Amino acid sequence: MRTIVHLSDLHFGRVNPLLIDPLIRIVREVEPDLVAISGDLTQRARSYQFQQARSFLDALPKPQIVVPGNHDIPLHNVFARFFEPLTKYRRYITDDLQPAYVDEEVVIVGVNTARSLVFKGGRINQSQVSRLREKFCSFGSRVVKVVVTHHPFDLPEGHDESDLVGRARMAMTGLAECGADLFLAGHLHISHTGHTKRYKIHGHSALVVQAGTATSTRERGEANSFNLLRIAYPAITVERMAWSPLTTSFATSTVEKFKQTVEGWIRLE
């Protein structure tokens, strides 16, 4: 079994400081095999915000898969936005924009979907999908294949499709051929688990797991939270850990279980 802690939308520069130490403490207690952070480490891509994010990441267990979000690209500095969009991210966080972790049970790859030309939206391109396919297609079906992006491949009910990562259908079609199992994302500050049924790919139904914001004061109507995933093929459990102001700690809010079948991943009642 592999245990993954999935954090997203940290937004250093606009965090609730009361959450930082309890979050670090519980992640350490979990002793995950990997920590995945799906973007928006900062609020406005300023140096001091990246430095705070770096200190936070250094306090968490390793290994880590980290990808940038749209907030990690400068907004007001036009030159930096279009000519040096991820210079500070690369300096303080990582120079690897498609990080990967591989062992005998999982292969997990992060992809940068943040783009300078849009303030909020994101995009995945053919080159990135090709590199994902190189990783995934060499592994059999019993190795669970995981994609980590900031922008989601599916949405909670009521959200506009403009919030989907750009060229999602192209990417999903190509990755389905390699048996992609699980897509981790953030961006909306809303927790969500679902399937890729919107793409109507015969015999393929991957899981989409979206994390809320772990530390930001912009909760969007739900408590700060993160996801705890346990992967033991052919089963995946997604446990949502939500912040409780009364206990000043993170605790289990929901637990959802999924199983791999001939038609893809299905939810267990």
C-alpha atoms as a PDB file:
ATOM      1  CA  MET A   1       0.000   0.000   0.000  1.00  0.00           C
ATOM      2  CA  ARG A   2       1.079   3.542  -0.750  1.00  0.00           C
ATOM      3  CA  THR A   3      -0.054   6.554   1.266  1.00  0.00           C
ATOM      4  CA  ILE A   4      -0.176   9.968  -0.419  1.00  0.00           C
ATOM      5  CA  VAL A   5      -0.863  13.297   1.254  1.00  0.00           C
ATOM      6  CA  HIS A   6      -2.441  15.673  -1.276  1.00  0.00           C
ATOM      7  CA  LEU A   7      -2.207  19.390  -0.452  1.00  0.00           C
ATOM      8  CA  SER A   8      -3.240  22.278  -2.655  1.00  0.00           C
ATOM      9  CA  ASP A   9      -3.670  26.048  -2.832  1.00  0.00           C
ATOM     10  CA  LEU A  10      -1.435  26.995   0.078  1.00  0.00           C
ATOM     11  CA  HIS A  11      -1.390  30.697  -0.924  1.00  0.00           C
ATOM     12  CA  PHE A  12       1.451  31.885   1.288  1.00  0.00           C
ATOM     13  CA  GLY A  13       0.918  35.599   1.627  1.00  0.00           C
ATOM     14  CA  ARG A  14      -2.705  34.981   2.544  1.00  0.00           C
ATOM     15  CA  VAL A  15      -2.694  32.050   4.952  1.00  0.00           C
ATOM     16  CA  ASN A  16      -4.294  31.369   8.307  1.00  0.00           C
ATOM     17  CA  PRO A  17      -1.168  31.074  10.503  1.00  0.00           C
ATOM     18  CA  LEU A  18      -3.022  28.951  13.067  1.00  0.00           C
ATOM     19  CA  LEU A  19      -3.139  26.070  10.590  1.00  0.00           C
ATOM     20  CA  ILE A  20       0.540  25.782   9.684  1.00  0.00           C
ATOM     21  CA  ASP A  21       1.976  23.917  12.669  1.00  0.00           C
ATOM     22  CA  PRO A  22      -1.015  21.545  13.091  1.00  0.00           C
ATOM     23  CA  LEU A  23      -0.862  20.742   9.377  1.00  0.00           C
ATOM     24  CA  ILE A  24       2.847  19.985   9.475  1.00  0.00           C
ATOM     25  CA  ARG A  25       2.349  17.881  12.585  1.00  0.00           C
ATOM     26  CA  ILE A  26      -0.428  15.688  11.182  1.00  0.00           C
ATOM     27  CA  VAL A  27       1.335  15.159   7.845  1.00  0.00           C
ATOM     28  CA  ARG A  28       4.418  13.980   9.725  1.00  0.00           C
ATOM     29  CA  GLU A  29       2.290  11.689  11.884  1.00  0.00           C
ATOM     30  CA  VAL A  30       0.778  10.077   8.772  1.00  0.00           C
ATOM     31  CA  GLU A  31       4.280   9.188   7.520  1.00  0.00           C
ATOM     32  CA  PRO A  32       3.217   9.256   3.846  1.00  0.00           C
ATOM     33  CA  ASP A  33       5.144   7.600   1.065  1.00  0.00           C
ATOM     34  CA  LEU A  34       4.801  10.849  -0.889  1.00  0.00           C
ATOM     35  CA  VAL A  35       3.455  14.390  -0.495  1.00  0.00           C
ATOM     36  CA  ALA A  36       1.806  15.907  -3.601  1.00  0.00           C
ATOM     37  CA  ILE A  37       1.229  19.679  -3.756  1.00  0.00           C
ATOM     38  CA  SER A  38      -0.997  20.713  -6.660  1.00  0.00           C
ATOM     39  CA  GLY A  39      -0.123  24.366  -7.130  1.00  0.00           C
ATOM     40  CA  ASP A  40      -0.747  27.907  -5.916  1.00  0.00           C
ATOM     41  CA  LEU A  41       1.956  27.867  -3.293  1.00  0.00           C
ATOM     42  CA  THR A  42       1.845  31.680  -3.162  1.00  0.00           C
ATOM     43  CA  GLN A  43      -0.741  34.423  -3.347  1.00  0.00           C
ATOM     44  CA  ARG A  44       1.109  36.791  -5.680  1.00  0.00           C
ATOM     45  CA  ALA A  45       4.393  35.077  -6.630  1.00  0.00           C
ATOM     46  CA  ARG A  46       6.479  37.403  -4.463  1.00  0.00           C
ATOM     47  CA  SER A  47       9.893  36.360  -3.164  1.00  0.00           C
ATOM     48  CA  TYR A  48       8.961  36.403   0.520  1.00  0.00           C
ATOM     49  CA  GLN A  49       5.903  34.262  -0.231  1.00  0.00           C
ATOM     50  CA  PHE A  50       8.023  31.686  -2.045  1.00  0.00           C
ATOM     51  CA  GLN A  51      10.470  31.741   0.871  1.00  0.00           C
ATOM     52  CA  GLN A  52       7.624  30.994   3.288  1.00  0.00           C
ATOM     53  CA  ALA A  53       6.414  28.203   1.017  1.00  0.00           C
ATOM     54  CA  ARG A  54       9.954  26.790   0.842  1.00  0.00           C
ATOM     55  CA  SER A  55      10.200  26.700   4.632  1.00  0.00           C
ATOM     56  CA  PHE A  56       6.849  24.925   4.807  1.00  0.00           C
ATOM     57  CA  LEU A  57       7.874  22.302   2.236  1.00  0.00           C
ATOM     58  CA  ASP A  58      11.166  21.741   4.074  1.00  0.00           C
ATOM     59  CA  ALA A  59       9.177  20.875   7.207  1.00  0.00           C
ATOM     60  CA  LEU A  60       7.166  18.170   5.404  1.00  0.00           C
ATOM     61  CA  PRO A  61       8.232  14.577   4.700  1.00  0.00           C
ATOM     62  CA  LYS A  62       9.982  13.636   1.473  1.00  0.00           C
ATOM     63  CA  PRO A  63       9.689  12.697  -1.359  1.00  0.00           C
ATOM     64  CA  GLN A  64       7.470  15.416  -2.767  1.00  0.00           C
ATOM     65  CA  ILE A  65       5.792  16.108  -6.102  1.00  0.00           C
ATOM     66  CA  VAL A  66       5.185  19.850  -6.472  1.00  0.00           C
ATOM     67  CA  VAL A  67       3.656  21.718  -9.436  1.00  0.00           C
ATOM     68  CA  PRO A  68       2.979  25.458  -9.876  1.00  0.00           C
ATOM     69  CA  GLY A  69      -0.413  27.129 -10.115  1.00  0.00           C
ATOM     70  CA  ASN A  70      -1.597  30.303 -11.799  1.00  0.00           C
ATOM     71  CA  HIS A  71      -0.918  32.323  -8.618  1.00  0.00           C
ATOM     72  CA  ASP A  72       2.738  31.290  -8.817  1.00  0.00           C
ATOM     73  CA  ILE A  73       3.125  33.406 -11.965  1.00  0.00           C
ATOM     74  CA  PRO A  74       3.548  37.173 -11.353  1.00  0.00           C
ATOM     75  CA  LEU A  75       0.356  39.150 -11.939  1.00  0.00           C
ATOM     76  CA  HIS A  76       1.284  42.836 -11.802  1.00  0.00           C
ATOM     77  CA  ASN A  77       4.867  42.680 -13.110  1.00  0.00           C
ATOM     78  CA  VAL A  78       4.112  42.404 -16.825  1.00  0.00           C
ATOM     79  CA  PHE A  79       7.718  41.758 -17.892  1.00  0.00           C
ATOM     80  CA  ALA A  80       8.174  38.962 -15.374  1.00  0.00           C
ATOM     81  CA  ARG A  81       4.769  37.506 -16.225  1.00  0.00           C
ATOM     82  CA  PHE A  82       5.537  37.037 -19.914  1.00  0.00           C
ATOM     83  CA  PHE A  83       9.327  36.644 -19.996  1.00  0.00           C
ATOM     84  CA  GLU A  84      10.238  35.157 -16.601  1.00  0.00           C
ATOM     85  CA  PRO A  85       6.954  33.624 -15.400  1.00  0.00           C
ATOM     86  CA  LEU A  86       8.397  30.887 -13.191  1.00  0.00           C
ATOM     87  CA  THR A  87      11.830  32.283 -12.336  1.00  0.00           C
ATOM     88  CA  LYS A  88      11.050  32.636  -8.627  1.00  0.00           C
ATOM     89  CA  TYR A  89       9.240  29.306  -8.529  1.00  0.00           C
ATOM     90  CA  ARG A  90      12.292  27.628 -10.018  1.00  0.00           C
ATOM     91  CA  ARG A  91      14.630  29.475  -7.627  1.00  0.00           C
ATOM     92  CA  TYR A  92      12.794  28.728  -4.406  1.00  0.00           C
ATOM     93  CA  ILE A  93      10.706  25.609  -5.057  1.00  0.00           C
ATOM     94  CA  THR A  94      12.048  23.395  -7.848  1.00  0.00           C
ATOM     95  CA  ASP A  95      13.487  23.610 -11.336  1.00  0.00           C
ATOM     96  CA  ASP A  96      11.693  20.407 -12.315  1.00  0.00           C
ATOM     97  CA  LEU A  97       8.350  21.221 -13.979  1.00  0.00           C
ATOM     98  CA  GLN A  98       7.466  17.581 -14.645  1.00  0.00           C
ATOM     99  CA  PRO A  99       8.609  15.804 -11.470  1.00  0.00           C
ATOM    100  CA  ALA A 100       8.073  12.071 -11.149  1.00  0.00           C
ATOM    101  CA  TYR A 101       8.053   9.361  -8.517  1.00  0.00           C
ATOM    102  CA  VAL A 102       8.141   5.686  -9.454  1.00  0.00           C
ATOM    103  CA  ASP A 103       8.166   2.471  -7.456  1.00  0.00           C
ATOM    104  CA  GLU A 104       6.700  -1.018  -7.840  1.00  0.00           C
ATOM    105  CA  GLU A 105       3.158   0.110  -6.915  1.00  0.00           C
ATOM    106  CA  VAL A 106       2.687   3.644  -8.270  1.00  0.00           C
ATOM    107  CA  VAL A 107       3.998   6.045 -10.888  1.00  0.00           C
ATOM    108  CA  ILE A 108       3.189   9.671 -10.108  1.00  0.00           C
ATOM    109  CA  VAL A 109       3.967  12.559 -12.456  1.00  0.00           C
ATOM    110  CA  GLY A 110       3.416  16.279 -11.981  1.00  0.00           C
ATOM    111  CA  VAL A 111       2.588  18.619 -14.883  1.00  0.00           C
ATOM    112  CA  ASN A 112       2.764  22.410 -15.066  1.00  0.00           C
ATOM    113  CA  THR A 113      -0.588  23.731 -16.354  1.00  0.00           C
ATOM    114  CA  ALA A 114       0.004  27.399 -15.393  1.00  0.00           C
ATOM    115  CA  ARG A 115       0.259  29.786 -18.348  1.00  0.00           C
ATOM    116  CA  SER A 116       1.243  33.469 -18.662  1.00  0.00           C
ATOM    117  CA  LEU A 117      -1.405  34.347 -21.241  1.00  0.00           C
ATOM    118  CA  VAL A 118      -4.334  33.726 -18.903  1.00  0.00           C
ATOM    119  CA  PHE A 119      -4.815  35.102 -15.412  1.00  0.00           C
ATOM    120  CA  LYS A 120      -6.726  32.149 -13.992  1.00  0.00           C
ATOM    121  CA  GLY A 121      -7.058  29.313 -16.475  1.00  0.00           C
ATOM    122  CA  GLY A 122      -4.534  26.637 -17.347  1.00  0.00           C
ATOM    123  CA  ARG A 123      -3.576  24.331 -20.178  1.00  0.00           C
ATOM    124  CA  ILE A 124      -1.842  21.056 -20.932  1.00  0.00           C
ATOM    125  CA  ASN A 125      -0.103  20.604 -24.279  1.00  0.00           C
ATOM    126  CA  GLN A 126       0.751  17.718 -26.579  1.00  0.00           C
ATOM    127  CA  SER A 127       4.403  17.676 -25.554  1.00  0.00           C
ATOM    128  CA  GLN A 128       3.476  17.277 -21.898  1.00  0.00           C
ATOM    129  CA  VAL A 129       1.039  14.482 -22.722  1.00  0.00           C
ATOM    130  CA  SER A 130       3.717  12.719 -24.762  1.00  0.00           C
ATOM    131  CA  ARG A 131       6.090  12.787 -21.788  1.00  0.00           C
ATOM    132  CA  LEU A 132       3.331  11.434 -19.541  1.00  0.00           C
ATOM    133  CA  ARG A 133       2.686   8.626 -22.003  1.00  0.00           C
ATOM    134  CA  GLU A 134       6.397   7.749 -22.005  1.00  0.00           C
ATOM    135  CA  LYS A 135       6.157   7.242 -18.252  1.00  0.00           C
ATOM    136  CA  PHE A 136       2.791   5.519 -18.042  1.00  0.00           C
ATOM    137  CA  CYS A 137       2.717   3.239 -21.075  1.00  0.00           C
ATOM    138  CA  SER A 138       5.746   1.266 -19.900  1.00  0.00           C
ATOM    139  CA  PHE A 139       3.910   0.054 -16.784  1.00  0.00           C
ATOM    140  CA  GLY A 140       1.259  -2.638 -16.471  1.00  0.00           C
ATOM    141  CA  SER A 141      -2.262  -2.226 -15.159  1.00  0.00           C
ATOM    142  CA  ARG A 142      -1.370  -3.212 -11.594  1.00  0.00           C
ATOM    143  CA  VAL A 143       0.821  -0.124 -11.194  1.00  0.00           C
ATOM    144  CA  VAL A 144      -1.444   2.827 -10.358  1.00  0.00           C
ATOM    145  CA  LYS A 145      -0.727   5.818 -12.613  1.00  0.00           C
ATOM    146  CA  VAL A 146      -1.263   9.269 -11.102  1.00  0.00           C
ATOM    147  CA  VAL A 147      -1.216  12.756 -12.685  1.00  0.00           C
ATOM    148  CA  VAL A 148      -0.773  15.866 -10.510  1.00  0.00           C
ATOM    149  CA  THR A 149      -1.847  19.240 -11.984  1.00  0.00           C
ATOM    150  CA  HIS A 150      -3.115  22.513 -10.601  1.00  0.00           C
ATOM    151  CA  HIS A 151      -6.077  22.879 -12.962  1.00  0.00           C
ATOM    152  CA  PRO A 152      -8.686  20.094 -12.815  1.00  0.00           C
ATOM    153  CA  PHE A 153      -9.784  17.540 -15.411  1.00  0.00           C
ATOM    154  CA  ASP A 154     -13.282  17.381 -13.941  1.00  0.00           C
ATOM    155  CA  LEU A 155     -15.492  19.682 -11.874  1.00  0.00           C
ATOM    156  CA  PRO A 156     -17.982  19.629  -9.025  1.00  0.00           C
ATOM    157  CA  GLU A 157     -21.589  20.064 -10.063  1.00  0.00           C
ATOM    158  CA  GLY A 158     -22.493  23.643 -10.963  1.00  0.00           C
ATOM    159  CA  HIS A 159     -19.049  24.779 -12.108  1.00  0.00           C
ATOM    160  CA  ASP A 160     -18.454  26.215 -15.546  1.00  0.00           C
ATOM    161  CA  GLU A 161     -16.404  24.124 -17.958  1.00  0.00           C
ATOM    162  CA  SER A 162     -14.047  27.080 -18.432  1.00  0.00           C
ATOM    163  CA  ASP A 163     -12.489  25.953 -15.134  1.00  0.00           C
ATOM    164  CA  LEU A 164     -11.298  22.712 -16.766  1.00  0.00           C
ATOM    165  CA  VAL A 165      -7.665  22.528 -17.810  1.00  0.00           C
ATOM    166  CA  GLY A 166      -7.348  23.508 -21.464  1.00  0.00           C
ATOM    167  CA  ARG A 167      -7.058  20.640 -23.992  1.00  0.00           C
ATOM    168  CA  ALA A 168      -8.337  18.247 -21.343  1.00  0.00           C
ATOM    169  CA  ARG A 169     -10.056  15.995 -23.873  1.00  0.00           C
ATOM    170  CA  MET A 170      -6.895  15.601 -25.962  1.00  0.00           C
ATOM    171  CA  ALA A 171      -4.912  14.742 -22.840  1.00  0.00           C
ATOM    172  CA  MET A 172      -7.482  12.346 -21.439  1.00  0.00           C
ATOM    173  CA  THR A 173      -7.765  10.457 -24.727  1.00  0.00           C
ATOM    174  CA  GLY A 174      -4.009   9.974 -24.941  1.00  0.00           C
ATOM    175  CA  LEU A 175      -3.587   9.038 -21.293  1.00  0.00           C
ATOM    176  CA  ALA A 176      -6.502   6.590 -21.319  1.00  0.00           C
ATOM    177  CA  GLU A 177      -4.548   4.489 -23.800  1.00  0.00           C
ATOM    178  CA  CYS A 178      -1.878   4.083 -21.098  1.00  0.00           C
ATOM    179  CA  GLY A 179      -4.382   3.376 -18.346  1.00  0.00           C
ATOM    180  CA  ALA A 180      -4.109   6.602 -16.329  1.00  0.00           C
ATOM    181  CA  ASP A 181      -5.903   5.921 -13.042  1.00  0.00           C
ATOM    182  CA  LEU A 182      -5.963   9.030 -10.888  1.00  0.00           C
ATOM    183  CA  PHE A 183      -5.881  12.803 -11.470  1.00  0.00           C
ATOM    184  CA  LEU A 184      -5.041  15.054  -8.500  1.00  0.00           C
ATOM    185  CA  ALA A 185      -5.733  18.795  -8.772  1.00  0.00           C
ATOM    186  CA  GLY A 186      -6.806  21.907  -6.885  1.00  0.00           C
ATOM    187  CA  HIS A 187      -7.516  25.462  -8.093  1.00  0.00           C
ATOM    188  CA  LEU A 188     -11.164  25.797  -7.026  1.00  0.00           C
ATOM    189  CA  HIS A 189     -10.629  25.638  -3.241  1.00  0.00           C
ATOM    190  CA  ILE A 190     -13.341  22.972  -3.160  1.00  0.00           C
ATOM    191  CA  SER A 191     -12.938  19.288  -2.333  1.00  0.00           C
ATOM    192  CA  HIS A 192     -14.330  16.900  -4.933  1.00  0.00           C
ATOM    193  CA  THR A 193     -14.054  13.295  -6.048  1.00  0.00           C
ATOM    194  CA  GLY A 194     -15.469  12.059  -9.317  1.00  0.00           C
ATOM    195  CA  HIS A 195     -14.868  10.111 -12.518  1.00  0.00           C
ATOM    196  CA  THR A 196     -13.808  11.018 -16.033  1.00  0.00           C
ATOM    197  CA  LYS A 197     -17.130   9.939 -17.539  1.00  0.00           C
ATOM    198  CA  ARG A 198     -17.542  13.324 -19.269  1.00  0.00           C
ATOM    199  CA  TYR A 199     -14.928  12.158 -21.819  1.00  0.00           C
ATOM    200  CA  LYS A 200     -16.920   9.025 -22.762  1.00  0.00           C
ATOM    201  CA  ILE A 201     -13.892   6.822 -23.436  1.00  0.00           C
ATOM    202  CA  HIS A 202     -15.064   3.216 -23.733  1.00  0.00           C
ATOM    203  CA  GLY A 203     -13.723   0.966 -20.996  1.00  0.00           C
ATOM    204  CA  HIS A 204     -11.944   3.797 -19.198  1.00  0.00           C
ATOM    205  CA  SER A 205     -13.086   5.599 -16.069  1.00  0.00           C
ATOM    206  CA  ALA A 206     -10.315   7.275 -14.083  1.00  0.00           C
ATOM    207  CA  LEU A 207     -10.686   9.000 -10.729  1.00  0.00           C
ATOM    208  CA  VAL A 208     -10.517  12.768 -10.342  1.00  0.00           C
ATOM    209  CA  VAL A 209      -9.648  13.951  -6.840  1.00  0.00           C
ATOM    210  CA  GLN A 210      -9.609  17.644  -6.090  1.00  0.00           C
ATOM    211  CA  ALA A 211      -8.264  19.150  -2.873  1.00  0.00           C
ATOM    212  CA  GLY A 212      -9.605  22.213  -1.132  1.00  0.00           C
ATOM    213  CA  THR A 213      -7.256  24.871   0.154  1.00  0.00           C
ATOM    214  CA  ALA A 214      -5.028  23.600   2.937  1.00  0.00           C
ATOM    215  CA  THR A 215      -4.070  26.942   4.475  1.00  0.00           C
ATOM    216  CA  SER A 216      -5.596  29.929   2.649  1.00  0.00           C
ATOM    217  CA  THR A 217      -8.113  32.307   4.208  1.00  0.00           C
ATOM    218  CA  ARG A 218     -10.124  32.057   0.965  1.00  0.00           C
ATOM    219  CA  GLU A 219     -12.064  28.905   1.891  1.00  0.00           C
ATOM    220  CA  ARG A 220     -14.911  29.333  -0.657  1.00  0.00           C
ATOM    221  CA  GLY A 221     -17.574  28.094   1.748  1.00  0.00           C
ATOM    222  CA  GLU A 222     -15.851  24.998   3.128  1.00  0.00           C
ATOM    223  CA  ALA A 223     -13.270  24.352   5.830  1.00  0.00           C
ATOM    224  CA  ASN A 224      -9.572  24.222   5.038  1.00  0.00           C
ATOM    225  CA  SER A 225      -8.693  20.666   4.139  1.00  0.00           C
ATOM    226  CA  PHE A 226      -6.372  18.220   2.429  1.00  0.00           C
ATOM    227  CA  ASN A 227      -6.674  14.692   1.061  1.00  0.00           C
ATOM    228  CA  LEU A 228      -5.156  11.510   2.392  1.00  0.00           C
ATOM    229  CA  LEU A 229      -5.078   8.757  -0.237  1.00  0.00           C
ATOM    230  CA  ARG A 230      -4.296   5.097   0.357  1.00  0.00           C
ATOM    231  CA  ILE A 231      -3.537   3.114  -2.777  1.00  0.00           C
ATOM    232  CA  ALA A 232      -3.412  -0.673  -2.786  1.00  0.00           C
ATOM    233  CA  TYR A 233      -4.352  -1.969  -6.229  1.00  0.00           C
ATOM    234  CA  PRO A 234      -7.165  -2.606  -7.068  1.00  0.00           C
ATOM    235  CA  ALA A 235      -8.428  -0.258  -4.341  1.00  0.00           C
ATOM    236  CA  ILE A 236      -8.077   3.449  -3.562  1.00  0.00           C
ATOM    237  CA  THR A 237      -9.387   5.182  -0.442  1.00  0.00           C
ATOM    238  CA  VAL A 238      -9.748   8.975  -0.336  1.00  0.00           C
ATOM    239  CA  GLU A 239      -9.971  10.469   3.133  1.00  0.00           C
ATOM    240  CA  ARG A 240     -10.726  14.171   3.456  1.00  0.00           C
ATOM    241  CA  MET A 241      -9.036  15.810   6.448  1.00  0.00           C
ATOM    242  CA  ALA A 242     -10.794  19.050   7.427  1.00  0.00           C
ATOM    243  CA  TRP A 243      -9.817  21.786   9.876  1.00  0.00           C
ATOM    244  CA  SER A 244     -11.843  22.108  13.067  1.00  0.00           C
ATOM    245  CA  PRO A 245     -11.520  25.481  14.857  1.00  0.00           C
ATOM    246  CA  LEU A 246     -13.000  23.912  18.003  1.00  0.00           C
ATOM    247  CA  THR A 247     -10.223  21.334  18.330  1.00  0.00           C
ATOM    248  CA  THR A 248      -7.604  23.399  16.431  1.00  0.00           C
ATOM    249  CA  SER A 249      -6.693  20.298  14.454  1.00  0.00           C
ATOM    250  CA  PHE A 250      -7.352  18.448  11.214  1.00  0.00           C
ATOM    251  CA  ALA A 251      -9.666  15.441  11.461  1.00  0.00           C
ATOM    252  CA  THR A 252     -11.407  13.005   9.104  1.00  0.00           C
ATOM    253  CA  SER A 253     -14.433  14.550   7.428  1.00  0.00           C
ATOM    254  CA  THR A 254     -15.310  11.978   4.753  1.00  0.00           C
ATOM    255  CA  VAL A 255     -13.981   8.625   3.541  1.00  0.00           C
ATOM    256  CA  GLU A 256     -14.659   7.367   0.002  1.00  0.00           C
ATOM    257  CA  LYS A 257     -13.613   4.015  -1.405  1.00  0.00           C
ATOM    258  CA  PHE A 258     -13.046   3.022  -5.029  1.00  0.00           C
ATOM    259  CA  LYS A 259     -12.226  -0.193  -6.847  1.00  0.00           C
ATOM    260  CA  GLN A 260     -10.779  -0.968 -10.254  1.00  0.00           C
ATOM    261  CA  THR A 261     -13.049  -3.039 -12.547  1.00  0.00           C
ATOM    262  CA  VAL A 262     -13.164  -3.921 -16.244  1.00  0.00           C
ATOM    263  CA  GLU A 263     -15.029  -0.635 -16.808  1.00  0.00           C
ATOM    264  CA  GLY A 264     -12.526   1.413 -14.842  1.00  0.00           C
ATOM    265  CA  TRP A 265     -12.651   2.794 -11.310  1.00  0.00           C
ATOM    266  CA  ILE A 266     -16.011   2.625  -9.532  1.00  0.00           C
ATOM    267  CA  ARG A 267     -17.195   4.038  -6.232  1.00  0.00           C
ATOM    268  CA  LEU A 268     -18.025   1.518  -3.508  1.00  0.00           C
ATOM    269  CA  GLU A 269     -21.129   2.192  -1.424  1.00  0.00           C
END
